[in-house]
Each structure stands twice: as C-alpha cells, then as structure tokens.
Amino acid sequence: MKIKKAQKEVDHWISSYGVRYFNALTNMALLTEEVGELARIISRTYGEQNFKKGAQKGSLSDEMADILFVLICLANQTGVDLQKAFKKNLEKKTIRDHKRHKHNAKLKT
C-alpha cells in the first residue's frame, strides 16, 4: 500500500469510527506511549531484560502498526504528505550519507 493511500484510509477510519482526530498534543502523547510499548518488547526480546512473570508480552508487529497509525493521524491533521516527505528525506540521507556508513569502521565488525 502506498503511504498516500494509507493516509486516506486512516482519514476514512477516523471519520467513520473515531468521530474526529484527537488534538495533535494528545496524538503526540499517544505516539510516545506506543513507542514505549514497542521499546519494552524489543528490550525484553532482544536486549538484556526479561519479561516480568505473568506480564503480557505484546506483539512487535501490532505495536509497530499502532505507531504507524498514530503517526499517520498526526500527518493528516497537520497537513503533511508523508509519502512526499519520506521520499524527500531519503534523498537527503542519500546525499548526506552516501559514503558515511560504508567507511565507518565501527560498522565493519
């Protein structure tokens, strides 16, 4: 699915089921919360921490999708075309970093 289509689908979902967008400040807090939930799963699955006994592990893919949904909400309500912004960001990174990582000795170990 193209990002532009995802933005339209989220907008349709909000108007059909969500009544309206939460304000940008609320969505920013929700985005932070979702990133924290993803961090918890990653730190306990791939890092040095363990899940607490009886704690619900959660789903990596579900948390990533939650983050994407809230990010798209923020983009929609602030007028950001994420597809265009992402393309521009990749172009910026390509120009800036086209040799940077290939010549980083730290990444070769």
C-alpha atoms as a PDB file:
ATOM      1  CA  MET A   1       0.000   0.000   0.000  1.00  0.00           C
ATOM      2  CA  LYS A   2       1.293   3.456  -0.843  1.00  0.00           C
ATOM      3  CA  ILE A   3       1.694   5.871   2.060  1.00  0.00           C
ATOM      4  CA  LYS A   4      -0.720   8.324   0.440  1.00  0.00           C
ATOM      5  CA  LYS A   5      -3.382   5.589   0.339  1.00  0.00           C
ATOM      6  CA  ALA A   6      -2.694   4.717   3.982  1.00  0.00           C
ATOM      7  CA  GLN A   7      -3.242   8.378   4.901  1.00  0.00           C
ATOM      8  CA  LYS A   8      -6.592   8.328   3.088  1.00  0.00           C
ATOM      9  CA  GLU A   9      -7.618   5.059   4.768  1.00  0.00           C
ATOM     10  CA  VAL A  10      -6.779   6.396   8.234  1.00  0.00           C
ATOM     11  CA  ASP A  11      -8.739   9.564   7.480  1.00  0.00           C
ATOM     12  CA  HIS A  12     -11.705   7.451   6.373  1.00  0.00           C
ATOM     13  CA  TRP A  13     -11.441   5.315   9.523  1.00  0.00           C
ATOM     14  CA  ILE A  14     -11.351   8.410  11.739  1.00  0.00           C
ATOM     15  CA  SER A  15     -14.431   9.894  10.069  1.00  0.00           C
ATOM     16  CA  SER A  16     -16.282   6.543  10.172  1.00  0.00           C
ATOM     17  CA  TYR A  17     -15.361   5.208  13.606  1.00  0.00           C
ATOM     18  CA  GLY A  18     -13.258   7.709  15.509  1.00  0.00           C
ATOM     19  CA  VAL A  19     -15.667  10.683  15.382  1.00  0.00           C
ATOM     20  CA  ARG A  20     -12.731  13.117  14.945  1.00  0.00           C
ATOM     21  CA  TYR A  21      -8.986  13.274  15.319  1.00  0.00           C
ATOM     22  CA  PHE A  22      -7.653  13.724  18.834  1.00  0.00           C
ATOM     23  CA  ASN A  23      -5.800  17.016  19.042  1.00  0.00           C
ATOM     24  CA  ALA A  24      -2.144  16.984  17.997  1.00  0.00           C
ATOM     25  CA  LEU A  25      -0.900  17.142  21.584  1.00  0.00           C
ATOM     26  CA  THR A  26      -2.953  14.080  22.556  1.00  0.00           C
ATOM     27  CA  ASN A  27      -1.753  12.215  19.471  1.00  0.00           C
ATOM     28  CA  MET A  28       1.855  13.117  20.284  1.00  0.00           C
ATOM     29  CA  ALA A  29       1.380  11.651  23.766  1.00  0.00           C
ATOM     30  CA  LEU A  30      -0.203   8.537  22.235  1.00  0.00           C
ATOM     31  CA  LEU A  31       2.701   8.198  19.796  1.00  0.00           C
ATOM     32  CA  THR A  32       5.160   8.395  22.687  1.00  0.00           C
ATOM     33  CA  GLU A  33       3.168   5.772  24.592  1.00  0.00           C
ATOM     34  CA  GLU A  34       3.148   3.415  21.605  1.00  0.00           C
ATOM     35  CA  VAL A  35       6.891   3.851  21.053  1.00  0.00           C
ATOM     36  CA  GLY A  36       7.376   2.977  24.726  1.00  0.00           C
ATOM     37  CA  GLU A  37       5.349  -0.213  24.284  1.00  0.00           C
ATOM     38  CA  LEU A  38       7.495  -1.166  21.288  1.00  0.00           C
ATOM     39  CA  ALA A  39      10.650  -0.386  23.265  1.00  0.00           C
ATOM     40  CA  ARG A  40       9.502  -2.646  26.098  1.00  0.00           C
ATOM     41  CA  ILE A  41       9.013  -5.585  23.727  1.00  0.00           C
ATOM     42  CA  ILE A  42      12.337  -5.029  21.955  1.00  0.00           C
ATOM     43  CA  SER A  43      14.333  -4.543  25.163  1.00  0.00           C
ATOM     44  CA  ARG A  44      12.936  -7.732  26.658  1.00  0.00           C
ATOM     45  CA  THR A  45      13.073  -9.833  23.488  1.00  0.00           C
ATOM     46  CA  TYR A  46      16.427  -8.711  22.068  1.00  0.00           C
ATOM     47  CA  GLY A  47      18.013  -6.891  24.998  1.00  0.00           C
ATOM     48  CA  GLU A  48      19.149  -7.899  28.420  1.00  0.00           C
ATOM     49  CA  GLN A  49      15.868  -7.558  30.280  1.00  0.00           C
ATOM     50  CA  ASN A  50      13.272 -10.294  30.753  1.00  0.00           C
ATOM     51  CA  PHE A  51       9.526 -10.011  30.790  1.00  0.00           C
ATOM     52  CA  LYS A  52       8.108  -9.954  34.304  1.00  0.00           C
ATOM     53  CA  LYS A  53       6.489 -13.208  35.351  1.00  0.00           C
ATOM     54  CA  GLY A  54       2.871 -13.159  34.170  1.00  0.00           C
ATOM     55  CA  ALA A  55       3.375  -9.992  32.100  1.00  0.00           C
ATOM     56  CA  GLN A  56       1.718  -9.881  28.720  1.00  0.00           C
ATOM     57  CA  LYS A  57       4.433  -9.913  26.048  1.00  0.00           C
ATOM     58  CA  GLY A  58       2.614  -7.986  23.339  1.00  0.00           C
ATOM     59  CA  SER A  59       3.132  -8.160  19.605  1.00  0.00           C
ATOM     60  CA  LEU A  60       6.023  -6.439  17.865  1.00  0.00           C
ATOM     61  CA  SER A  61       4.062  -6.068  14.623  1.00  0.00           C
ATOM     62  CA  ASP A  62       0.968  -4.755  16.399  1.00  0.00           C
ATOM     63  CA  GLU A  63       2.956  -2.102  18.257  1.00  0.00           C
ATOM     64  CA  MET A  64       4.677  -1.010  15.038  1.00  0.00           C
ATOM     65  CA  ALA A  65       1.279  -0.749  13.347  1.00  0.00           C
ATOM     66  CA  ASP A  66      -0.046   1.313  16.290  1.00  0.00           C
ATOM     67  CA  ILE A  67       2.894   3.707  15.873  1.00  0.00           C
ATOM     68  CA  LEU A  68       2.274   3.997  12.136  1.00  0.00           C
ATOM     69  CA  PHE A  69      -1.429   4.667  12.692  1.00  0.00           C
ATOM     70  CA  VAL A  70      -0.823   7.490  15.183  1.00  0.00           C
ATOM     71  CA  LEU A  71       1.966   8.949  13.036  1.00  0.00           C
ATOM     72  CA  ILE A  72      -0.400   8.988  10.063  1.00  0.00           C
ATOM     73  CA  CYS A  73      -3.047  10.681  12.226  1.00  0.00           C
ATOM     74  CA  LEU A  74      -0.543  13.403  13.117  1.00  0.00           C
ATOM     75  CA  ALA A  75       0.438  13.818   9.470  1.00  0.00           C
ATOM     76  CA  ASN A  76      -3.187  14.060   8.368  1.00  0.00           C
ATOM     77  CA  GLN A  77      -4.168  16.626  10.950  1.00  0.00           C
ATOM     78  CA  THR A  78      -1.090  18.778  10.341  1.00  0.00           C
ATOM     79  CA  GLY A  79      -1.240  18.630   6.539  1.00  0.00           C
ATOM     80  CA  VAL A  80       1.911  16.564   5.987  1.00  0.00           C
ATOM     81  CA  ASP A  81       2.086  14.380   2.872  1.00  0.00           C
ATOM     82  CA  LEU A  82       4.113  11.523   4.374  1.00  0.00           C
ATOM     83  CA  GLN A  83       4.837   9.904   1.021  1.00  0.00           C
ATOM     84  CA  LYS A  84       6.355  13.121  -0.315  1.00  0.00           C
ATOM     85  CA  ALA A  85       8.147  13.825   2.983  1.00  0.00           C
ATOM     86  CA  PHE A  86       9.596  10.297   3.152  1.00  0.00           C
ATOM     87  CA  LYS A  87      10.881  10.490  -0.431  1.00  0.00           C
ATOM     88  CA  LYS A  88      12.496  13.862   0.264  1.00  0.00           C
ATOM     89  CA  ASN A  89      14.024  12.516   3.493  1.00  0.00           C
ATOM     90  CA  LEU A  90      15.556   9.513   1.688  1.00  0.00           C
ATOM     91  CA  GLU A  91      17.028  11.840  -0.931  1.00  0.00           C
ATOM     92  CA  LYS A  92      18.535  13.999   1.837  1.00  0.00           C
ATOM     93  CA  LYS A  93      20.026  10.960   3.591  1.00  0.00           C
ATOM     94  CA  THR A  94      21.407   9.616   0.302  1.00  0.00           C
ATOM     95  CA  ILE A  95      23.196  12.881  -0.466  1.00  0.00           C
ATOM     96  CA  ARG A  96      24.448  13.345   3.088  1.00  0.00           C
ATOM     97  CA  ASP A  97      25.361   9.749   3.903  1.00  0.00           C
ATOM     98  CA  HIS A  98      26.222   8.098   0.579  1.00  0.00           C
ATOM     99  CA  LYS A  99      29.756   7.277   1.819  1.00  0.00           C
ATOM    100  CA  ARG A 100      29.453   7.856   5.545  1.00  0.00           C
ATOM    101  CA  HIS A 101      28.340   4.383   6.667  1.00  0.00           C
ATOM    102  CA  LYS A 102      30.405   2.424   4.141  1.00  0.00           C
ATOM    103  CA  HIS A 103      33.562   3.991   5.565  1.00  0.00           C
ATOM    104  CA  ASN A 104      32.593   3.585   9.227  1.00  0.00           C
ATOM    105  CA  ALA A 105      34.996   1.096  10.797  1.00  0.00           C
ATOM    106  CA  LYS A 106      32.565   0.552  13.664  1.00  0.00           C
ATOM    107  CA  LEU A 107      30.032  -0.991  11.281  1.00  0.00           C
ATOM    108  CA  LYS A 108      32.504  -3.476   9.810  1.00  0.00           C
ATOM    109  CA  THR A 109      32.852  -5.541  12.959  1.00  0.00           C
END
